[in-house]
Amino acid sequence: MFKKLTDALGITGNKISELIKESKQYINAVENESKEIKKTVTALKGYAETETPSLGQAVGSLASTFEIIDKENTEKVKRLQEEYIAPLNDLLISLDKLQTEQKEAQNAIKELEKAEKHLSKAKSKSKEKLKPNEIQTAETELKTAKEKAAKEENDVKVATEEFNKVKLETIQKVLKNMVDIETVFHQKILDSVGTIKLKADAIKIDEESKI
């Protein structure tokens, strides 16, 4: 049972670690956009100042949208770190504690196996080679080892079920958080993009094309 559990937990830990690593790279990519966005805003504003009024306003509205993207990126990164990465890190800590309990249970089983061998060896000895109370002592050790192994095994079972529940709750939460974070971000961008369309539609092509 424990080997199967060990393998499963190891795979889970590796996959969660990989998820955190790749998610951090996504966050870093979002953060790195800021420098390029600022350059784009400067270029758009500079161009808008040289153009006719209605065209300048339309280009300026695009610059404003990029500024909003930059601002919302900063907020998105903050929320991703707090509401996405942090819960996953906490989940890894919980997994590490479970794996520690699992190792303790495995050690208890090894001690039980040793106690069983010890008693078997004592019983196989001739009376002349037996130490005083050797069999009784071995039986007591075996009883203690059985009780400890049973307790540790039960503790691991309970801890595993608790971890599975926490895992499900955590992943559910981070998925919902991601949906909310991205929805809020894109909605604000869409609202601003709507203004660009209005300004673009309002460009006075015939009037402002005249010399």
Protein backbone atom coordinates (compact mmCIF):
# COMPACT_ATOMS: atom_id res chain seq x y z
CA MET A 1 0.00 0.00 0.00
CA PHE A 2 2.72 2.44 1.01
CA LYS A 3 4.76 2.06 -2.17
CA LYS A 4 1.70 2.83 -4.26
CA LEU A 5 0.91 5.82 -2.04
CA THR A 6 4.53 7.00 -2.13
CA ASP A 7 4.60 6.87 -5.92
CA ALA A 8 1.25 8.69 -6.21
CA LEU A 9 2.27 11.45 -3.80
CA GLY A 10 5.62 11.83 -5.54
CA ILE A 11 3.90 12.30 -8.89
CA THR A 12 1.42 14.77 -7.37
CA GLY A 13 4.24 16.78 -5.80
CA ASN A 14 6.20 16.91 -9.05
CA LYS A 15 3.18 18.00 -11.07
CA ILE A 16 2.21 20.74 -8.59
CA SER A 17 5.81 21.99 -8.53
CA GLU A 18 5.85 22.06 -12.33
CA LEU A 19 2.53 23.93 -12.35
CA ILE A 20 3.91 26.55 -9.95
CA LYS A 21 7.10 26.92 -12.01
CA GLU A 22 5.26 27.43 -15.31
CA SER A 23 2.70 29.75 -13.71
CA LYS A 24 5.51 31.91 -12.33
CA GLN A 25 6.96 32.15 -15.84
CA TYR A 26 3.58 33.35 -17.07
CA ILE A 27 3.49 35.97 -14.30
CA ASN A 28 7.04 37.06 -15.16
CA ALA A 29 6.01 37.45 -18.81
CA VAL A 30 3.10 39.68 -17.75
CA GLU A 31 5.45 41.78 -15.61
CA ASN A 32 7.95 42.12 -18.45
CA GLU A 33 5.27 43.62 -20.70
CA SER A 34 5.33 46.85 -18.69
CA LYS A 35 8.53 48.26 -20.19
CA GLU A 36 7.37 47.67 -23.77
CA ILE A 37 3.90 49.05 -23.04
CA LYS A 38 5.39 52.29 -21.69
CA LYS A 39 7.44 52.68 -24.89
CA THR A 40 4.30 52.11 -26.96
CA VAL A 41 2.34 54.68 -24.93
CA THR A 42 5.09 57.27 -25.42
CA ALA A 43 5.14 56.62 -29.18
CA LEU A 44 1.35 56.83 -29.47
CA LYS A 45 1.13 60.06 -27.49
CA GLY A 46 3.95 61.57 -29.52
CA TYR A 47 2.21 60.67 -32.75
CA ALA A 48 -1.19 61.90 -31.52
CA GLU A 49 0.26 65.36 -30.83
CA THR A 50 1.29 65.71 -34.48
CA GLU A 51 -2.04 64.73 -36.01
CA THR A 52 -5.36 66.39 -36.74
CA PRO A 53 -7.74 66.78 -33.78
CA SER A 54 -10.08 63.82 -34.31
CA LEU A 55 -7.28 61.47 -35.39
CA GLY A 56 -5.13 62.66 -32.50
CA GLN A 57 -7.97 61.92 -30.06
CA ALA A 58 -8.43 58.42 -31.50
CA VAL A 59 -4.73 57.63 -31.28
CA GLY A 60 -4.67 59.13 -27.79
CA SER A 61 -7.48 56.82 -26.71
CA LEU A 62 -5.36 53.85 -27.82
CA ALA A 63 -2.50 55.20 -25.70
CA SER A 64 -4.91 55.44 -22.75
CA THR A 65 -5.93 51.81 -23.28
CA PHE A 66 -2.31 50.69 -23.17
CA GLU A 67 -1.89 52.63 -19.91
CA ILE A 68 -4.91 50.81 -18.51
CA ILE A 69 -3.43 47.48 -19.66
CA ASP A 70 -0.20 48.34 -17.84
CA LYS A 71 -2.05 49.29 -14.66
CA GLU A 72 -4.29 46.22 -14.77
CA ASN A 73 -1.30 43.97 -15.46
CA THR A 74 0.23 45.15 -12.18
CA GLU A 75 -2.98 44.34 -10.32
CA LYS A 76 -3.28 41.00 -12.12
CA VAL A 77 0.25 39.99 -11.13
CA LYS A 78 -0.45 40.89 -7.50
CA ARG A 79 -3.65 38.86 -7.45
CA LEU A 80 -2.05 35.89 -9.24
CA GLN A 81 0.72 35.74 -6.66
CA GLU A 82 -1.70 36.00 -3.72
CA GLU A 83 -4.68 34.01 -5.01
CA TYR A 84 -3.07 31.47 -7.33
CA ILE A 85 0.59 30.83 -6.51
CA ALA A 86 0.31 31.16 -2.71
CA PRO A 87 -2.44 28.52 -2.33
CA LEU A 88 -0.45 26.11 -4.51
CA ASN A 89 2.64 26.67 -2.36
CA ASP A 90 0.55 25.97 0.75
CA LEU A 91 -0.65 22.76 -0.89
CA LEU A 92 2.96 21.65 -1.40
CA ILE A 93 3.65 22.28 2.29
CA SER A 94 0.67 20.10 3.21
CA LEU A 95 1.95 17.40 0.86
CA ASP A 96 5.40 17.55 2.46
CA LYS A 97 3.85 17.02 5.91
CA LEU A 98 1.89 14.04 4.60
CA GLN A 99 5.03 12.51 3.10
CA THR A 100 6.77 12.91 6.47
CA GLU A 101 3.93 11.03 8.18
CA GLN A 102 4.13 8.40 5.50
CA LYS A 103 7.86 7.87 6.15
CA GLU A 104 7.13 7.49 9.86
CA ALA A 105 4.56 4.81 9.04
CA GLN A 106 7.04 3.02 6.78
CA ASN A 107 9.61 3.07 9.58
CA ALA A 108 7.01 1.64 11.97
CA ILE A 109 6.34 -1.22 9.53
CA LYS A 110 10.08 -1.94 9.28
CA GLU A 111 10.27 -2.03 13.08
CA LEU A 112 7.33 -4.44 13.10
CA GLU A 113 9.10 -6.71 10.62
CA LYS A 114 12.24 -6.63 12.77
CA ALA A 115 10.21 -7.48 15.88
CA GLU A 116 8.58 -10.42 14.08
CA LYS A 117 11.98 -11.74 13.01
CA HIS A 118 13.35 -11.22 16.51
CA LEU A 119 10.53 -13.26 18.07
CA SER A 120 10.83 -15.96 15.41
CA LYS A 121 14.56 -16.20 16.03
CA ALA A 122 14.06 -16.38 19.80
CA LYS A 123 11.49 -19.17 19.45
CA SER A 124 13.83 -21.16 17.22
CA LYS A 125 16.57 -21.20 19.88
CA SER A 126 17.12 -24.15 22.13
CA LYS A 127 16.34 -23.65 25.82
CA GLU A 128 20.03 -23.66 26.63
CA LYS A 129 20.71 -20.69 24.31
CA LEU A 130 17.71 -18.62 25.39
CA LYS A 131 18.37 -15.61 27.60
CA PRO A 132 16.09 -15.07 30.60
CA ASN A 133 12.68 -13.77 29.45
CA GLU A 134 13.97 -13.46 25.87
CA ILE A 135 10.76 -14.78 24.30
CA GLN A 136 8.54 -12.70 26.59
CA THR A 137 10.58 -9.58 25.81
CA ALA A 138 10.36 -10.27 22.07
CA GLU A 139 6.60 -10.80 22.36
CA THR A 140 6.22 -7.50 24.20
CA GLU A 141 8.32 -5.73 21.57
CA LEU A 142 6.19 -7.28 18.82
CA LYS A 143 2.97 -6.21 20.53
CA THR A 144 4.27 -2.65 20.87
CA ALA A 145 5.48 -2.60 17.26
CA LYS A 146 2.11 -3.88 16.01
CA GLU A 147 0.24 -1.20 17.93
CA LYS A 148 2.56 1.53 16.67
CA ALA A 149 2.39 0.32 13.06
CA ALA A 150 -1.40 0.12 13.20
CA LYS A 151 -1.60 3.65 14.64
CA GLU A 152 0.83 5.09 12.08
CA GLU A 153 -0.99 3.36 9.23
CA ASN A 154 -4.32 4.75 10.40
CA ASP A 155 -2.79 8.22 10.85
CA VAL A 156 -1.50 8.12 7.27
CA LYS A 157 -4.91 7.02 5.99
CA VAL A 158 -6.62 9.90 7.81
CA ALA A 159 -3.93 12.40 6.76
CA THR A 160 -4.13 11.24 3.12
CA GLU A 161 -7.90 11.70 3.03
CA GLU A 162 -7.51 15.14 4.61
CA PHE A 163 -4.86 16.08 2.05
CA ASN A 164 -7.03 14.84 -0.83
CA LYS A 165 -9.85 17.05 0.41
CA VAL A 166 -7.52 20.05 0.79
CA LYS A 167 -6.08 19.38 -2.68
CA LEU A 168 -9.52 19.32 -4.29
CA GLU A 169 -10.61 22.46 -2.43
CA THR A 170 -7.37 24.29 -3.26
CA ILE A 171 -7.40 23.48 -6.97
CA GLN A 172 -11.08 24.39 -7.15
CA LYS A 173 -10.30 27.70 -5.46
CA VAL A 174 -7.32 28.61 -7.65
CA LEU A 175 -9.28 27.77 -10.81
CA LYS A 176 -12.12 30.05 -9.73
CA ASN A 177 -9.61 32.72 -8.72
CA MET A 178 -7.91 32.52 -12.12
CA VAL A 179 -11.25 32.89 -13.90
CA ASP A 180 -12.13 35.94 -11.79
CA ILE A 181 -8.69 37.53 -12.20
CA GLU A 182 -8.67 37.16 -15.97
CA THR A 183 -12.33 38.16 -16.32
CA VAL A 184 -11.81 41.40 -14.37
CA PHE A 185 -8.65 42.16 -16.35
CA HIS A 186 -10.15 41.56 -19.79
CA GLN A 187 -13.42 43.33 -18.96
CA LYS A 188 -11.56 46.53 -18.08
CA ILE A 189 -9.59 46.28 -21.31
CA LEU A 190 -12.77 45.67 -23.32
CA ASP A 191 -14.43 48.70 -21.74
CA SER A 192 -11.48 50.85 -22.79
CA VAL A 193 -11.33 49.32 -26.28
CA GLY A 194 -14.94 50.37 -26.76
CA THR A 195 -13.83 53.98 -26.38
CA ILE A 196 -11.18 53.51 -29.07
CA LYS A 197 -13.85 52.31 -31.51
CA LEU A 198 -16.02 55.35 -30.80
CA LYS A 199 -13.07 57.69 -31.31
CA ALA A 200 -12.04 55.85 -34.47
CA ASP A 201 -15.56 56.09 -35.88
CA ALA A 202 -15.52 59.82 -35.09
CA ILE A 203 -12.41 60.56 -37.16
CA LYS A 204 -13.37 63.33 -39.61
CA ILE A 205 -11.75 61.93 -42.72
CA ASP A 206 -13.26 64.28 -45.30
CA GLU A 207 -12.87 67.41 -43.16
CA GLU A 208 -9.36 66.78 -41.85
CA SER A 209 -7.95 65.46 -45.14
CA LYS A 210 -8.23 68.89 -46.73
CA ILE A 211 -5.16 71.08 -47.00
